Amino acid sequence: MMKKTIIITSIIVLLAIIAMIIISKLSGRKDLSILFTEVQYGDFEVVVTTTGELQAEVSTDIKGPEGLSSRNMRFGGIKISDLVPEGTEVKAGDYVATLDRSSVDNSLKDELDRLESLETDLLKKQLDTTISLGNLRDELLNLKFNMDEAEITLEQSQYEPPTTIRQARISLDKAQRSYDQAVSNYDLKVRQARADIRDIELQVSKQRRKVAEMQDIIQKFVISAPADGMVIYKREWGGAKRKVGSEISAWDPVVATLPDLTSMISKTYVNEIDVSKVKAGQRVRLTVDAFPEKSYTGVVLSVANIGEQLPNTDAKVFEVISKIDGSDPILRPSMTTGNQIITKTFSDVLFIPLETVFATIDSIPFVYKKDGTRQVVVLGESNENDVIVEQGLKEGERLYLTIPEDGEKFKLQGDDLIAIIKERKKQEAEEEAKRLQNGNQPQNMMPENMTPEKMREFMQNLTPEQREAMRQMRGSGRPGQMPGRPAGGSDTTVRMQRERTPNQ
């Protein structure tokens, strides 16, 4: 009985060991299959991937009162003291915001004081003129009496001696001249008084208009919606949204906007390395972070001609606007989008994953084939996952995704393609050098007197094309990454892995 039990136990253990060996082999085969991929054939897209933000293509601005910078007045920044929550649905005429009146109220008080002072000056001038002209009229009347008296004296001296008559005539002439001069002086005084009063009246009228305009503007510090829609806060240049406490001005009076949600655009920024690939009219695939299950299509509307530097970044970027096809009521401004701009499309080409591409010490690309060879390949355009193979492979061939353990034993094939690759690299380097010499890039010359830290930063900012051009001009011949493709971080990079094996 004991012997039988031992035999059964031994059989069970043996079967368990056999089962473990079989499972291990099957698992190994499964893992081994993961190490390979096949050369694909079909359509290939070169895509620039960016992150954007939804905006309405057309929107109605909700503005502060007009006239904040008219000829009669100059207001500085005016704070927003109250604002409805963002996303509020409003009808035309509904309340939206209130502006802080404190600074304007102080200005209005000063202008009212000035108006009162001018009105007082006008009244004083009118009274002074009335008194002054009244005195002049009395003087004229007295001079008229003197002239009449001299005339009577002359008439009564007709029978007097000639000397007396002459004296009477002289007295009459003097009285006449005094009267005429007084009349002329009175006319001048009247015209002068009228001009002075008119000048003050104009000042008073101007000041009254200014006060009335200020009072009218203050009445508009309670802002209403100009149309129906959803309130979206105005985004300032720095990226922050306007809110309670933010300031508006005569040059930027927008408090919020009412977007037209039936026509949406995505605003994004493309780095200076990839922007040359992006053109108006190219198709775009879009996703929205808030609704990952949904996808959209669109078209590039515009690409900025001048780059800019966004806050808290050192890289130069270019604004790209894409219009979304159709409309979707769930889309809202400020939602984050994922944008795939299709810059090129190739039909009926061979392509392989970037992970399968390696490079020799002098940057000759090759792949490890399952048949135990290393095949030199001529590469074309790439996207973020794959690269086109122009020469060297056939559809369906199986390739290693990583360096095999005995990779150094794999025989190199495709020596005839090396000359093609080197000639292409030479042409690309010459074109880049010519472009740099023409001043199309700011890094066309090495800056002088650079510290080691600045030198490292300078070299890190160079594109692979610029590095290759510098090596060609200096004749260093130092191996590098494939020219003509952006280096680390770009979504259109060919990620080549350098093999540390003996030169072929």
Protein backbone atom coordinates (compact mmCIF):
# COMPACT_ATOMS: atom_id res chain seq x y z
CA MET A 1 0.00 0.00 0.00
CA MET A 2 2.82 2.35 0.92
CA LYS A 3 4.64 1.53 -2.30
CA LYS A 4 1.54 2.29 -4.35
CA THR A 5 1.15 5.69 -2.68
CA ILE A 6 4.76 6.59 -3.46
CA ILE A 7 4.31 5.66 -7.12
CA ILE A 8 1.14 7.78 -7.44
CA THR A 9 2.84 10.74 -5.78
CA SER A 10 5.84 10.47 -8.11
CA ILE A 11 3.57 10.41 -11.16
CA ILE A 12 1.71 13.52 -9.96
CA VAL A 13 4.98 15.39 -9.36
CA LEU A 14 6.29 14.36 -12.79
CA LEU A 15 3.09 15.52 -14.49
CA ALA A 16 3.27 18.85 -12.65
CA ILE A 17 6.86 19.37 -13.80
CA ILE A 18 5.91 18.55 -17.39
CA ALA A 19 2.95 20.96 -17.21
CA MET A 20 5.18 23.73 -15.87
CA ILE A 21 7.69 23.19 -18.69
CA ILE A 22 4.92 23.32 -21.32
CA ILE A 23 3.39 26.47 -19.81
CA SER A 24 6.83 28.09 -19.63
CA LYS A 25 7.51 27.34 -23.29
CA LEU A 26 4.11 28.61 -24.37
CA SER A 27 4.61 31.76 -22.32
CA GLY A 28 8.06 32.20 -23.80
CA ARG A 29 6.62 31.89 -27.30
CA LYS A 30 3.97 34.43 -26.47
CA ASP A 31 6.54 36.87 -25.09
CA LEU A 32 8.74 36.20 -28.10
CA SER A 33 5.93 37.19 -30.44
CA ILE A 34 5.73 40.54 -28.74
CA LEU A 35 9.34 41.26 -29.77
CA PHE A 36 8.46 41.28 -33.48
CA THR A 37 6.42 43.40 -35.88
CA GLU A 38 5.74 43.28 -39.60
CA VAL A 39 6.46 45.76 -42.38
CA GLN A 40 3.14 47.43 -43.18
CA TYR A 41 1.86 48.61 -46.57
CA GLY A 42 -0.79 51.25 -47.14
CA ASP A 43 -1.57 54.91 -46.59
CA PHE A 44 0.72 56.95 -44.33
CA GLU A 45 0.08 60.29 -42.66
CA VAL A 46 2.58 62.84 -41.36
CA VAL A 47 0.90 64.48 -38.39
CA VAL A 48 1.76 67.44 -36.16
CA THR A 49 0.13 66.93 -32.77
CA THR A 50 -0.66 69.88 -30.51
CA THR A 51 -2.95 70.89 -27.67
CA GLY A 52 -5.43 73.71 -28.28
CA GLU A 53 -8.38 75.53 -26.80
CA LEU A 54 -11.89 75.90 -28.16
CA GLN A 55 -13.16 79.36 -29.04
CA ALA A 56 -16.18 80.67 -30.90
CA GLU A 57 -15.37 81.77 -34.43
CA VAL A 58 -17.77 84.69 -34.04
CA SER A 59 -18.73 86.32 -30.75
CA THR A 60 -20.45 89.48 -29.52
CA ASP A 61 -18.44 91.59 -27.11
CA ILE A 62 -20.01 92.84 -23.90
CA LYS A 63 -18.28 96.20 -23.47
CA GLY A 64 -18.06 98.92 -20.92
CA PRO A 65 -19.58 102.33 -21.75
CA GLU A 66 -18.34 104.18 -24.81
CA GLY A 67 -16.68 107.54 -24.29
CA LEU A 68 -14.15 106.48 -21.67
CA SER A 69 -11.54 108.22 -23.81
CA SER A 70 -13.44 111.02 -25.53
CA ARG A 71 -12.06 114.52 -26.19
CA ASN A 72 -13.68 115.83 -23.04
CA MET A 73 -12.37 113.22 -20.61
CA ARG A 74 -9.71 110.62 -19.95
CA PHE A 75 -10.34 107.75 -17.56
CA GLY A 76 -7.66 105.26 -16.55
CA GLY A 77 -8.34 101.65 -15.67
CA ILE A 78 -11.82 101.05 -14.27
CA LYS A 79 -12.30 98.00 -12.06
CA ILE A 80 -15.09 95.45 -12.40
CA SER A 81 -16.92 95.42 -9.07
CA ASP A 82 -19.48 92.70 -9.91
CA LEU A 83 -19.83 90.09 -12.65
CA VAL A 84 -22.27 87.25 -13.26
CA PRO A 85 -20.78 83.73 -13.14
CA GLU A 86 -19.16 82.49 -16.32
CA GLY A 87 -21.49 80.25 -18.32
CA THR A 88 -24.63 82.18 -17.31
CA GLU A 89 -27.32 82.12 -20.00
CA VAL A 90 -28.63 85.67 -20.58
CA LYS A 91 -31.18 87.41 -22.75
CA ALA A 92 -30.67 90.77 -24.44
CA GLY A 93 -30.92 93.47 -21.77
CA ASP A 94 -30.16 91.17 -18.83
CA TYR A 95 -27.73 92.31 -16.17
CA VAL A 96 -24.10 91.23 -16.68
CA ALA A 97 -21.71 93.41 -14.67
CA THR A 98 -21.17 96.58 -12.64
CA LEU A 99 -18.13 98.83 -12.84
CA ASP A 100 -16.55 100.59 -9.87
CA ARG A 101 -17.71 104.24 -9.81
CA SER A 102 -15.45 105.56 -7.04
CA SER A 103 -12.71 107.08 -9.21
CA VAL A 104 -15.23 108.46 -11.73
CA ASP A 105 -17.41 109.92 -8.95
CA ASN A 106 -14.39 111.83 -7.67
CA SER A 107 -13.69 113.14 -11.16
CA LEU A 108 -17.33 114.14 -11.55
CA LYS A 109 -17.23 116.08 -8.28
CA ASP A 110 -14.18 118.00 -9.49
CA GLU A 111 -15.90 118.83 -12.77
CA LEU A 112 -19.07 119.97 -10.99
CA ASP A 113 -16.96 122.31 -8.82
CA ARG A 114 -15.32 123.71 -11.95
CA LEU A 115 -18.73 124.24 -13.56
CA GLU A 116 -19.95 126.11 -10.50
CA SER A 117 -16.83 128.28 -10.55
CA LEU A 118 -17.29 129.11 -14.24
CA GLU A 119 -20.97 129.99 -13.73
CA THR A 120 -19.94 132.31 -10.87
CA ASP A 121 -17.33 133.94 -13.10
CA LEU A 122 -19.95 134.46 -15.79
CA LEU A 123 -22.40 136.10 -13.41
CA LYS A 124 -19.67 138.33 -11.98
CA LYS A 125 -18.55 139.35 -15.46
CA GLN A 126 -22.11 140.20 -16.47
CA LEU A 127 -22.60 142.37 -13.35
CA ASP A 128 -19.26 144.12 -13.77
CA THR A 129 -20.01 144.80 -17.42
CA THR A 130 -23.43 146.24 -16.60
CA ILE A 131 -21.94 148.65 -14.04
CA SER A 132 -18.99 149.62 -16.25
CA LEU A 133 -21.10 150.29 -19.32
CA GLY A 134 -23.64 152.23 -17.23
CA ASN A 135 -20.87 154.57 -16.05
CA LEU A 136 -19.67 155.03 -19.62
CA ARG A 137 -23.19 155.92 -20.77
CA ASP A 138 -23.44 158.56 -18.01
CA GLU A 139 -20.12 160.00 -19.12
CA LEU A 140 -21.33 160.11 -22.72
CA LEU A 141 -24.43 161.99 -21.64
CA ASN A 142 -22.34 164.56 -19.77
CA LEU A 143 -20.06 165.05 -22.76
CA LYS A 144 -23.12 165.50 -24.96
CA PHE A 145 -24.36 168.24 -22.63
CA ASN A 146 -20.94 169.91 -22.75
CA MET A 147 -20.97 169.82 -26.54
CA ASP A 148 -24.49 171.30 -26.71
CA GLU A 149 -23.47 174.02 -24.26
CA ALA A 150 -20.40 174.92 -26.35
CA GLU A 151 -22.56 175.07 -29.44
CA ILE A 152 -24.99 177.49 -27.76
CA THR A 153 -22.10 179.64 -26.55
CA LEU A 154 -20.77 179.86 -30.11
CA GLU A 155 -24.17 180.92 -31.45
CA GLN A 156 -24.48 183.63 -28.81
CA SER A 157 -20.99 185.04 -29.56
CA GLN A 158 -21.80 186.04 -33.15
CA TYR A 159 -21.68 189.70 -32.23
CA GLU A 160 -18.70 189.41 -29.92
CA PRO A 161 -15.14 190.32 -30.87
CA PRO A 162 -13.39 187.89 -33.22
CA THR A 163 -11.18 186.60 -30.44
CA THR A 164 -14.18 185.63 -28.36
CA ILE A 165 -15.84 183.95 -31.34
CA ARG A 166 -12.63 182.00 -32.10
CA GLN A 167 -12.39 180.89 -28.48
CA ALA A 168 -16.02 179.69 -28.53
CA ARG A 169 -15.42 177.74 -31.76
CA ILE A 170 -12.31 176.05 -30.24
CA SER A 171 -14.30 175.06 -27.17
CA LEU A 172 -17.01 173.54 -29.38
CA ASP A 173 -14.41 171.57 -31.36
CA LYS A 174 -12.84 170.22 -28.17
CA ALA A 175 -16.25 169.22 -26.80
CA GLN A 176 -17.10 167.50 -30.11
CA ARG A 177 -13.82 165.55 -30.14
CA SER A 178 -14.25 164.48 -26.52
CA TYR A 179 -17.74 163.25 -27.24
CA ASP A 180 -16.71 161.38 -30.41
CA GLN A 181 -13.80 159.74 -28.59
CA ALA A 182 -16.09 158.71 -25.76
CA VAL A 183 -18.60 157.19 -28.23
CA SER A 184 -15.80 155.23 -29.92
CA ASN A 185 -14.43 154.09 -26.57
CA TYR A 186 -17.90 152.99 -25.48
CA ASP A 187 -18.33 150.89 -28.62
CA LEU A 188 -14.96 149.22 -27.97
CA LYS A 189 -15.89 148.52 -24.36
CA VAL A 190 -19.20 146.99 -25.44
CA ARG A 191 -17.52 144.69 -27.98
CA GLN A 192 -14.84 143.70 -25.48
CA ALA A 193 -17.42 142.95 -22.80
CA ARG A 194 -19.47 140.88 -25.22
CA ALA A 195 -16.36 138.91 -26.25
CA ASP A 196 -15.36 138.27 -22.64
CA ILE A 197 -18.85 137.15 -21.71
CA ARG A 198 -19.08 134.98 -24.82
CA ASP A 199 -15.76 133.32 -23.92
CA ILE A 200 -16.95 132.49 -20.42
CA GLU A 201 -20.32 131.32 -21.77
CA LEU A 202 -18.49 128.92 -24.11
CA GLN A 203 -16.45 127.57 -21.20
CA VAL A 204 -19.61 127.11 -19.17
CA SER A 205 -21.36 125.39 -22.08
CA LYS A 206 -18.39 123.08 -22.66
CA GLN A 207 -18.19 122.24 -18.97
CA ARG A 208 -21.92 121.52 -18.83
CA ARG A 209 -21.57 119.10 -21.75
CA LYS A 210 -18.61 117.43 -20.06
CA VAL A 211 -20.54 117.00 -16.81
CA ALA A 212 -23.59 115.70 -18.67
CA GLU A 213 -21.42 113.23 -20.61
CA MET A 214 -19.78 112.00 -17.41
CA GLN A 215 -23.16 111.58 -15.75
CA ASP A 216 -24.42 109.67 -18.80
CA ILE A 217 -21.35 107.38 -18.76
CA ILE A 218 -21.75 106.71 -15.04
CA GLN A 219 -25.34 105.65 -15.67
CA LYS A 220 -23.92 103.01 -18.04
CA PHE A 221 -21.60 101.50 -15.43
CA VAL A 222 -24.31 98.88 -14.96
CA ILE A 223 -23.68 96.71 -18.04
CA SER A 224 -26.38 94.68 -19.79
CA ALA A 225 -26.16 91.94 -22.41
CA PRO A 226 -26.41 93.27 -25.99
CA ALA A 227 -27.84 89.96 -27.24
CA ASP A 228 -28.90 86.49 -26.14
CA GLY A 229 -26.18 83.98 -25.31
CA MET A 230 -23.83 82.44 -22.77
CA VAL A 231 -21.48 84.74 -20.86
CA ILE A 232 -17.82 83.81 -21.33
CA TYR A 233 -15.19 85.86 -19.53
CA LYS A 234 -12.77 87.87 -21.65
CA ARG A 235 -9.29 86.31 -21.77
CA GLU A 236 -6.47 88.82 -21.47
CA TRP A 237 -3.17 88.67 -23.34
CA GLY A 238 -1.39 86.96 -20.46
CA GLY A 239 -3.96 84.14 -20.49
CA ALA A 240 -5.86 85.12 -17.31
CA LYS A 241 -9.59 85.71 -17.53
CA ARG A 242 -11.22 88.96 -16.48
CA LYS A 243 -13.08 88.71 -13.22
CA VAL A 244 -14.19 90.88 -10.29
CA GLY A 245 -11.28 93.21 -9.58
CA SER A 246 -9.94 93.18 -13.15
CA GLU A 247 -9.67 96.49 -15.00
CA ILE A 248 -11.01 97.64 -18.34
CA SER A 249 -9.94 100.74 -20.24
CA ALA A 250 -10.97 102.86 -23.18
CA TRP A 251 -8.53 100.87 -25.35
CA ASP A 252 -9.75 97.48 -24.12
CA PRO A 253 -13.33 97.89 -22.83
CA VAL A 254 -14.50 94.27 -23.23
CA VAL A 255 -15.82 92.74 -20.00
CA ALA A 256 -17.03 89.40 -21.43
CA THR A 257 -18.24 87.85 -24.68
CA LEU A 258 -21.32 86.09 -26.01
CA PRO A 259 -19.95 83.37 -28.34
CA ASP A 260 -21.81 81.90 -31.29
CA LEU A 261 -21.62 78.22 -30.32
CA THR A 262 -22.74 77.03 -33.76
CA SER A 263 -19.31 77.77 -35.26
CA MET A 264 -16.27 76.78 -33.18
CA ILE A 265 -12.54 77.04 -33.76
CA SER A 266 -9.53 75.58 -31.98
CA LYS A 267 -6.66 77.93 -31.20
CA THR A 268 -3.32 76.19 -30.76
CA TYR A 269 0.40 76.92 -30.99
CA VAL A 270 2.94 75.00 -33.09
CA ASN A 271 6.67 75.10 -32.33
CA GLU A 272 9.04 76.74 -34.78
CA ILE A 273 10.46 73.37 -35.86
CA ASP A 274 7.13 72.03 -37.13
CA VAL A 275 5.38 75.23 -38.24
CA SER A 276 6.88 75.07 -41.75
CA LYS A 277 4.87 71.88 -42.31
CA VAL A 278 1.53 73.43 -41.38
CA LYS A 279 -0.46 75.23 -44.09
CA ALA A 280 -3.94 76.70 -44.35
CA GLY A 281 -6.38 74.20 -45.82
CA GLN A 282 -4.85 71.09 -44.22
CA ARG A 283 -7.24 68.68 -42.54
CA VAL A 284 -7.29 68.30 -38.75
CA ARG A 285 -8.54 65.58 -36.42
CA LEU A 286 -9.66 66.85 -33.04
CA THR A 287 -10.63 65.42 -29.69
CA VAL A 288 -11.98 67.22 -26.63
CA ASP A 289 -10.61 66.30 -23.21
CA ALA A 290 -14.04 66.74 -21.62
CA PHE A 291 -15.57 64.16 -23.99
CA PRO A 292 -12.82 61.65 -24.85
CA GLU A 293 -15.28 59.31 -26.52
CA LYS A 294 -16.09 61.90 -29.22
CA SER A 295 -13.96 62.95 -32.19
CA TYR A 296 -14.23 65.77 -34.70
CA THR A 297 -12.69 66.92 -37.96
CA GLY A 298 -11.73 70.35 -39.16
CA VAL A 299 -9.49 72.41 -41.39
CA VAL A 300 -6.62 74.81 -40.75
CA LEU A 301 -7.87 78.37 -41.28
CA SER A 302 -4.69 80.36 -40.67
CA VAL A 303 -1.05 80.11 -39.59
CA ALA A 304 0.62 83.13 -38.00
CA ASN A 305 3.51 84.67 -39.94
CA ILE A 306 5.26 85.91 -36.80
CA GLY A 307 6.19 83.77 -33.83
CA GLU A 308 5.61 84.68 -30.22
CA GLN A 309 6.82 83.62 -26.81
CA LEU A 310 4.12 82.46 -24.44
CA PRO A 311 4.31 83.35 -20.75
CA ASN A 312 6.59 81.14 -18.64
CA THR A 313 8.14 79.50 -21.71
CA ASP A 314 11.34 80.00 -23.68
CA ALA A 315 10.27 78.40 -26.96
CA LYS A 316 9.01 80.39 -29.93
CA VAL A 317 5.61 79.23 -31.17
CA PHE A 318 3.22 80.19 -33.96
CA GLU A 319 -0.54 80.54 -33.58
CA VAL A 320 -2.62 78.15 -35.68
CA ILE A 321 -6.41 78.46 -36.01
CA SER A 322 -8.48 75.44 -37.08
CA LYS A 323 -12.22 75.47 -37.80
CA ILE A 324 -14.28 72.51 -36.61
CA ASP A 325 -16.61 70.97 -39.18
CA GLY A 326 -20.29 71.23 -38.30
CA SER A 327 -21.50 72.03 -34.81
CA ASP A 328 -22.12 70.21 -31.53
CA PRO A 329 -24.13 71.77 -28.67
CA ILE A 330 -21.89 70.14 -26.05
CA LEU A 331 -18.83 72.11 -27.17
CA ARG A 332 -17.99 75.13 -25.05
CA PRO A 333 -15.31 77.82 -25.26
CA SER A 334 -12.11 77.21 -23.24
CA MET A 335 -12.38 73.41 -23.52
CA THR A 336 -9.01 71.74 -24.16
CA THR A 337 -8.60 70.03 -27.53
CA GLY A 338 -6.14 67.53 -28.93
CA ASN A 339 -5.26 68.54 -32.49
CA GLN A 340 -3.73 66.27 -35.12
CA ILE A 341 -2.83 68.36 -38.15
CA ILE A 342 -2.37 66.13 -41.19
CA THR A 343 0.49 67.84 -43.02
CA LYS A 344 1.14 65.13 -45.63
CA THR A 345 -0.51 61.93 -46.85
CA PHE A 346 1.27 59.16 -48.77
CA SER A 347 -0.56 56.36 -50.55
CA ASP A 348 0.70 52.81 -51.07
CA VAL A 349 3.96 53.02 -49.13
CA LEU A 350 5.87 50.72 -46.79
CA PHE A 351 6.26 51.84 -43.19
CA ILE A 352 7.55 50.44 -39.91
CA PRO A 353 7.42 51.45 -36.22
CA LEU A 354 10.09 53.89 -35.11
CA GLU A 355 11.11 51.42 -32.40
CA THR A 356 12.49 49.04 -35.06
CA VAL A 357 14.97 51.57 -36.46
CA PHE A 358 18.54 51.62 -35.16
CA ALA A 359 21.69 53.34 -36.41
CA THR A 360 25.34 52.52 -36.83
CA ILE A 361 28.02 54.72 -35.35
CA ASP A 362 28.02 56.86 -38.51
CA SER A 363 24.22 57.27 -38.49
CA ILE A 364 23.34 54.68 -41.13
CA PRO A 365 19.83 53.40 -40.29
CA PHE A 366 19.11 49.68 -40.24
CA VAL A 367 16.67 47.15 -38.81
CA TYR A 368 17.05 43.68 -37.28
CA LYS A 369 15.17 41.09 -39.34
CA LYS A 370 13.87 37.83 -37.90
CA ASP A 371 15.93 35.89 -40.45
CA GLY A 372 19.08 36.90 -38.54
CA THR A 373 20.28 39.81 -40.69
CA ARG A 374 20.71 43.53 -40.23
CA GLN A 375 19.13 45.34 -43.16
CA VAL A 376 20.18 48.88 -44.14
CA VAL A 377 17.08 50.97 -44.94
CA VAL A 378 16.48 54.24 -46.76
CA LEU A 379 13.94 56.17 -44.69
CA GLY A 380 11.45 58.83 -45.74
CA GLU A 381 8.91 60.95 -43.87
CA SER A 382 7.88 60.01 -40.34
CA ASN A 383 5.09 60.68 -37.89
CA GLU A 384 4.97 60.21 -34.13
CA ASN A 385 4.77 56.40 -34.39
CA ASP A 386 6.06 55.18 -37.76
CA VAL A 387 8.49 56.00 -40.55
CA ILE A 388 8.31 55.35 -44.30
CA VAL A 389 10.79 52.86 -45.77
CA GLU A 390 11.72 53.85 -49.31
CA GLN A 391 14.23 51.04 -49.95
CA GLY A 392 15.47 47.94 -48.17
CA LEU A 393 12.34 46.07 -47.03
CA LYS A 394 9.28 44.27 -48.35
CA GLU A 395 5.73 44.03 -47.05
CA GLY A 396 5.22 41.43 -44.35
CA GLU A 397 8.87 41.00 -43.35
CA ARG A 398 9.21 40.52 -39.58
CA LEU A 399 11.43 42.87 -37.62
CA TYR A 400 12.74 43.04 -34.07
CA LEU A 401 11.34 45.80 -31.87
CA THR A 402 14.41 45.70 -29.62
CA ILE A 403 18.05 44.79 -30.05
CA PRO A 404 18.30 40.98 -30.03
CA GLU A 405 20.66 39.34 -27.55
CA ASP A 406 22.94 38.08 -30.32
CA GLY A 407 22.47 41.13 -32.53
CA GLU A 408 26.20 41.57 -33.07
CA LYS A 409 26.17 38.24 -34.95
CA PHE A 410 23.54 39.44 -37.45
CA LYS A 411 25.09 39.94 -40.88
CA LEU A 412 24.69 43.42 -42.41
CA GLN A 413 22.85 43.55 -45.75
CA GLY A 414 22.12 46.41 -48.12
CA ASP A 415 25.62 47.86 -48.51
CA ASP A 416 24.53 49.33 -51.84
CA LEU A 417 22.05 51.59 -49.99
CA ILE A 418 24.71 53.23 -47.81
CA ALA A 419 25.94 55.42 -50.67
CA ILE A 420 22.37 56.60 -51.32
CA ILE A 421 21.90 57.47 -47.64
CA LYS A 422 25.20 59.35 -47.43
CA GLU A 423 24.49 61.31 -50.60
CA ARG A 424 21.08 62.29 -49.28
CA LYS A 425 22.61 63.39 -45.97
CA LYS A 426 25.18 65.44 -47.84
CA GLN A 427 22.51 67.19 -49.91
CA GLU A 428 20.41 67.95 -46.85
CA ALA A 429 23.44 69.34 -45.01
CA GLU A 430 24.37 71.53 -47.98
CA GLU A 431 20.82 72.88 -48.22
CA GLU A 432 20.79 73.61 -44.50
CA ALA A 433 24.19 75.31 -44.66
CA LYS A 434 23.00 77.47 -47.55
CA ARG A 435 19.86 78.37 -45.63
CA LEU A 436 21.91 79.32 -42.58
CA GLN A 437 24.31 81.41 -44.67
CA ASN A 438 21.34 83.26 -46.15
CA GLY A 439 20.37 84.31 -42.64
CA ASN A 440 17.12 82.41 -42.50
CA GLN A 441 17.93 81.21 -39.01
CA PRO A 442 19.18 83.28 -36.07
CA GLN A 443 21.62 80.50 -35.14
CA ASN A 444 23.65 80.88 -38.33
CA MET A 445 26.81 81.76 -36.39
CA MET A 446 28.18 80.67 -33.06
CA PRO A 447 27.88 83.61 -30.61
CA GLU A 448 31.14 84.86 -29.19
CA ASN A 449 32.30 84.97 -25.57
CA MET A 450 29.88 82.27 -24.41
CA THR A 451 30.16 80.63 -21.00
CA PRO A 452 30.10 76.82 -20.86
CA GLU A 453 26.51 76.96 -19.57
CA LYS A 454 25.46 79.26 -22.41
CA MET A 455 27.29 77.02 -24.92
CA ARG A 456 25.38 73.95 -23.71
CA GLU A 457 22.10 75.87 -23.92
CA PHE A 458 22.97 77.07 -27.43
CA MET A 459 23.75 73.56 -28.64
CA GLN A 460 20.58 72.15 -27.05
CA ASN A 461 18.46 74.69 -28.92
CA LEU A 462 19.94 73.76 -32.31
CA THR A 463 17.89 71.50 -34.54
CA PRO A 464 19.51 68.30 -35.89
CA GLU A 465 19.78 69.98 -39.31
CA GLN A 466 21.75 72.88 -37.83
CA ARG A 467 24.05 70.53 -35.92
CA GLU A 468 24.70 68.52 -39.08
CA ALA A 469 25.38 71.72 -41.05
CA MET A 470 27.86 72.90 -38.42
CA ARG A 471 29.63 69.55 -38.54
CA GLN A 472 29.81 69.73 -42.33
CA MET A 473 31.21 73.27 -42.26
CA ARG A 474 33.77 72.36 -39.59
CA GLY A 475 34.58 69.02 -41.20
CA SER A 476 34.36 67.13 -37.94
CA GLY A 477 32.49 64.19 -39.39
CA ARG A 478 31.14 63.31 -35.92
CA PRO A 479 28.19 60.91 -36.24
CA GLY A 480 24.75 62.07 -35.22
CA GLN A 481 21.10 61.55 -35.63
CA MET A 482 19.49 61.42 -39.02
CA PRO A 483 19.55 64.93 -40.58
CA GLY A 484 16.34 66.51 -41.66
CA ARG A 485 14.30 65.35 -38.67
CA PRO A 486 13.65 67.20 -35.40
CA ALA A 487 15.27 65.98 -32.23
CA GLY A 488 13.77 64.88 -28.91
CA GLY A 489 10.40 66.19 -27.88
CA SER A 490 8.96 66.85 -31.33
CA ASP A 491 5.95 64.83 -32.37
CA THR A 492 7.44 64.25 -35.85
CA THR A 493 10.79 62.82 -34.71
CA VAL A 494 12.30 59.60 -35.99
CA ARG A 495 13.36 58.06 -32.69
CA MET A 496 16.52 56.24 -33.73
CA GLN A 497 18.31 54.01 -31.27
CA ARG A 498 22.09 53.89 -31.68
CA GLU A 499 23.60 50.44 -31.51
CA ARG A 500 26.92 50.19 -29.69
CA THR A 501 28.37 47.49 -31.92
CA PRO A 502 31.48 47.33 -34.09
CA ASN A 503 31.37 49.28 -37.34
CA GLN A 504 30.16 47.33 -40.30
